Structure formats: C-alpha cells, structure tokens
Amino acid sequence: MRINRRRYGGFSALEMIAVLAAMAVISALAIFSYDQSNSRGIALSRALNEYANAMRMAKTDLSCYPTRLDVLFDRSKAVAANASCGLDLSTQWRQRYAQPAPVDSNGNIVLSTIGAGTSLGITSFQDSGGTHWQLIASRVPNEVIPKATDACNGAGQTAGRCVGVAGTDGSGTVTFEFDLT
C-alpha cells in the first residue's frame, strides 16, 4: 500500500539562511572591492577633455587663449591681464565656454570630488616646436593618477596626451596637452 504524502513547495528555513549568507558574502566582497580611484580618474579625464574643448572654442572666438580658466564662464575676468595675447577679451567674448564651477583665487577650477585640494589650471611653455598649451591638475591623489592617465591615453599606455607624476606627499599632477601653436 502506498502512502500519499502531500508535498509542499518552497525552501526550508535552513536553505533560506544559506542563500542569504552567500548573498551577504558576495555583497560584502563587491562593496569592499569597489575602487573609487577608478571613477575619480575617469571623472578627472572627462574634466580635462571638457576644459580643453572649452579652451579651443574660446580661442576661436577670442583669437588667443585665456590664462585663467574662470574666463571660460565669467566675462568680467576676460581682461587683458588674463589673456595670452595681452588684449582685452571681453569685447570678443560671445558665450560661456564652460559651465560655471568653483574656482580658487587664481582662477583655477576646484575639483573637490577628485581629492581634497585638487585644482585644475592652465599653463604653457615654449620650445623649438612652438608653444605647448596644457591643463594641469594639481594635488591629485596618487592612486587616482594612473586611473586618470589610463582613461585619457588608453589603458596601459605610458605615453599620450596625459602625463601623470606621483608626488611624495600622497598627491601629484596630471598634465593634459591640448594644443601646440
């Protein structure tokens, strides 16, 4: 004689506890292995590209480069002292070339989401090839520098438009050359 047992579907309490414990371990591993320096490096690379494009647009309208990044969104700063050509740029200034951003007293963009004290400025130098126009991010946390240069140049590339230099105090620089005139 066969006994009919009623079968119940679902999981036992022990099975549920085992599944929840496994999910907790996997979640903990995912959270602790998340590398914030990677996302900050990508954000820095994007900021470098954004401001480089804004500088190129400004040069098209203004006939020369501003020497302060706040000129890109603040017409009152577009004076002769802030122009590489020494001319008053406010008469040719046609638009905001970049979205307004926090700046320091030197007109450098403050990038507090990248690191404490991180800022972005413009620099140039001359050599036999011409004038090299660069954006330079200062006080970039050392762990962010390789991530930013990988995002800018391509992963694993040691040379390219972006050059990173780690510092001894835990932060360094990332330089992005955007024009050679």
Protein backbone atom coordinates (compact mmCIF):
# COMPACT_ATOMS: atom_id res chain seq x y z
CA MET A 1 0.00 0.00 0.00
CA ARG A 2 1.32 3.33 -1.00
CA ILE A 3 1.12 6.29 1.39
CA ASN A 4 0.19 9.57 -0.19
CA ARG A 5 2.25 12.34 1.21
CA ARG A 6 1.35 15.81 0.48
CA ARG A 7 4.37 17.63 -0.94
CA TYR A 8 4.92 21.25 -0.11
CA GLY A 9 6.83 23.53 -2.43
CA GLY A 10 9.37 26.14 -1.34
CA PHE A 11 12.55 26.24 0.64
CA SER A 12 13.29 25.21 4.15
CA ALA A 13 14.48 27.78 6.69
CA LEU A 14 17.97 26.29 6.57
CA GLU A 15 18.14 26.68 2.79
CA MET A 16 16.99 30.30 3.04
CA ILE A 17 19.64 31.09 5.67
CA ALA A 18 22.34 29.53 3.50
CA VAL A 19 21.28 31.57 0.45
CA LEU A 20 21.11 34.81 2.45
CA ALA A 21 24.55 34.18 3.95
CA ALA A 22 26.02 33.58 0.48
CA MET A 23 24.41 36.78 -0.82
CA ALA A 24 25.81 38.74 2.14
CA VAL A 25 29.33 37.47 1.45
CA ILE A 26 29.10 38.31 -2.26
CA SER A 27 27.70 41.78 -1.49
CA ALA A 28 30.47 42.47 1.03
CA LEU A 29 33.12 41.45 -1.49
CA ALA A 30 31.60 43.70 -4.16
CA ILE A 31 31.39 46.70 -1.83
CA PHE A 32 34.91 46.37 -0.44
CA SER A 33 36.48 45.71 -3.84
CA TYR A 34 34.92 48.83 -5.41
CA ASP A 35 37.77 51.10 -6.44
CA GLN A 36 36.80 54.75 -6.01
CA SER A 37 40.08 55.84 -7.57
CA ASN A 38 38.91 54.41 -10.90
CA SER A 39 35.75 56.52 -11.02
CA ARG A 40 37.64 59.61 -9.85
CA GLY A 41 40.28 59.02 -12.55
CA ILE A 42 37.60 58.82 -15.22
CA ALA A 43 35.96 61.99 -13.85
CA LEU A 44 39.31 63.81 -13.97
CA SER A 45 39.93 62.67 -17.55
CA ARG A 46 36.47 63.94 -18.56
CA ALA A 47 37.09 67.29 -16.84
CA LEU A 48 40.41 67.65 -18.69
CA ASN A 49 38.71 66.96 -22.02
CA GLU A 50 35.79 69.28 -21.24
CA TYR A 51 38.00 72.24 -20.35
CA ALA A 52 40.38 71.56 -23.25
CA ASN A 53 37.43 71.73 -25.66
CA ALA A 54 36.21 74.92 -23.97
CA MET A 55 39.68 76.47 -24.33
CA ARG A 56 39.73 75.64 -28.05
CA MET A 57 36.29 77.20 -28.55
CA ALA A 58 37.36 80.31 -26.63
CA LYS A 59 40.49 80.64 -28.77
CA THR A 60 38.35 80.50 -31.91
CA ASP A 61 36.25 83.45 -30.69
CA LEU A 62 38.90 85.39 -28.79
CA SER A 63 41.91 84.84 -31.10
CA CYS A 64 44.09 83.80 -28.16
CA TYR A 65 43.93 81.66 -25.06
CA PRO A 66 42.81 82.91 -21.66
CA THR A 67 45.42 82.38 -18.95
CA ARG A 68 42.79 81.65 -16.28
CA LEU A 69 40.08 79.02 -16.56
CA ASP A 70 37.41 81.19 -14.93
CA VAL A 71 37.48 83.37 -18.08
CA LEU A 72 35.64 80.49 -19.76
CA PHE A 73 32.45 81.29 -17.84
CA ASP A 74 32.96 84.75 -16.34
CA ARG A 75 33.12 87.59 -18.86
CA SER A 76 34.28 90.05 -16.19
CA LYS A 77 37.55 88.07 -15.97
CA ALA A 78 38.19 88.39 -19.74
CA VAL A 79 40.60 91.31 -19.32
CA ALA A 80 44.00 91.89 -20.91
CA ALA A 81 45.85 90.63 -17.83
CA ASN A 82 44.13 87.23 -18.25
CA ALA A 83 44.85 86.81 -21.97
CA SER A 84 47.90 85.20 -23.54
CA CYS A 85 47.91 87.92 -26.22
CA GLY A 86 47.58 90.78 -23.71
CA LEU A 87 44.32 92.07 -25.23
CA ASP A 88 41.01 92.81 -23.57
CA LEU A 89 38.97 89.72 -24.48
CA SER A 90 35.64 91.00 -23.14
CA THR A 91 34.71 92.69 -26.44
CA GLN A 92 35.10 89.39 -28.32
CA TRP A 93 33.70 87.18 -25.55
CA ARG A 94 30.49 85.73 -27.04
CA GLN A 95 29.30 82.99 -24.73
CA ARG A 96 30.00 80.84 -21.71
CA TYR A 97 32.54 78.35 -22.96
CA ALA A 98 32.15 76.10 -19.90
CA GLN A 99 29.65 75.68 -17.12
CA PRO A 100 30.41 77.80 -14.04
CA ALA A 101 32.45 75.94 -11.46
CA PRO A 102 34.05 76.72 -8.10
CA VAL A 103 37.39 78.49 -8.51
CA ASP A 104 40.28 79.49 -6.28
CA SER A 105 41.82 82.96 -6.11
CA ASN A 106 43.99 82.22 -9.17
CA GLY A 107 41.03 81.33 -11.39
CA ASN A 108 41.80 77.59 -11.21
CA ILE A 109 38.87 75.18 -11.17
CA VAL A 110 38.43 73.43 -7.81
CA LEU A 111 37.88 69.68 -8.26
CA SER A 112 36.98 68.63 -4.72
CA THR A 113 35.28 65.42 -5.97
CA ILE A 114 38.66 64.17 -7.20
CA GLY A 115 40.56 64.91 -4.00
CA ALA A 116 40.98 67.41 -1.19
CA GLY A 117 42.73 70.45 -2.62
CA THR A 118 42.69 69.20 -6.23
CA SER A 119 42.54 72.05 -8.74
CA LEU A 120 42.80 72.49 -12.48
CA GLY A 121 44.72 75.31 -14.11
CA ILE A 122 46.24 76.27 -17.44
CA THR A 123 49.91 76.55 -18.27
CA SER A 124 52.05 76.93 -21.37
CA PHE A 125 55.69 76.69 -22.32
CA GLN A 126 57.71 77.25 -25.45
CA ASP A 127 60.30 75.09 -27.09
CA SER A 128 61.64 74.67 -30.62
CA GLY A 129 58.32 73.09 -31.67
CA GLY A 130 56.20 76.07 -30.58
CA THR A 131 54.00 76.88 -27.62
CA HIS A 132 52.58 73.91 -25.74
CA TRP A 133 49.21 74.62 -24.08
CA GLN A 134 48.40 72.38 -21.16
CA LEU A 135 45.83 71.87 -18.47
CA ILE A 136 47.39 70.78 -15.21
CA ALA A 137 45.53 69.10 -12.37
CA SER A 138 47.41 69.62 -9.10
CA ARG A 139 47.17 67.79 -5.79
CA VAL A 140 45.63 64.73 -7.44
CA PRO A 141 45.71 61.73 -5.06
CA ASN A 142 48.48 59.36 -6.19
CA GLU A 143 46.08 56.41 -6.51
CA VAL A 144 43.92 58.42 -8.96
CA ILE A 145 46.79 59.45 -11.26
CA PRO A 146 47.24 56.11 -13.13
CA LYS A 147 43.47 55.74 -13.48
CA ALA A 148 43.18 59.24 -14.99
CA THR A 149 46.07 58.72 -17.42
CA ASP A 150 44.65 55.33 -18.45
CA ALA A 151 41.26 56.95 -19.12
CA CYS A 152 42.92 59.77 -21.06
CA ASN A 153 45.52 57.82 -23.06
CA GLY A 154 44.07 54.32 -23.13
CA ALA A 155 44.69 51.59 -20.58
CA GLY A 156 48.32 50.62 -20.19
CA GLN A 157 49.68 53.40 -22.41
CA THR A 158 52.75 55.06 -20.93
CA ALA A 159 52.74 57.99 -23.36
CA GLY A 160 49.99 60.17 -24.74
CA ARG A 161 48.20 63.43 -24.19
CA CYS A 162 48.08 62.95 -20.42
CA VAL A 163 51.12 62.58 -18.21
CA GLY A 164 50.84 61.80 -14.51
CA VAL A 165 53.51 62.35 -11.90
CA ALA A 166 53.02 60.96 -8.40
CA GLY A 167 54.21 63.09 -5.52
CA THR A 168 55.90 62.18 -2.26
CA ASP A 169 53.16 63.69 -0.10
CA GLY A 170 50.42 61.39 -1.42
CA SER A 171 49.36 63.62 -4.30
CA GLY A 172 50.81 64.64 -7.64
CA THR A 173 49.86 66.11 -11.01
CA VAL A 174 48.17 65.11 -14.24
CA THR A 175 49.05 67.24 -17.26
CA PHE A 176 46.98 67.25 -20.45
CA GLU A 177 48.45 68.89 -23.57
CA PHE A 178 45.57 70.18 -25.68
CA ASP A 179 47.29 72.36 -28.27
CA LEU A 180 50.62 73.17 -29.86
CA THR A 181 50.79 76.54 -31.62
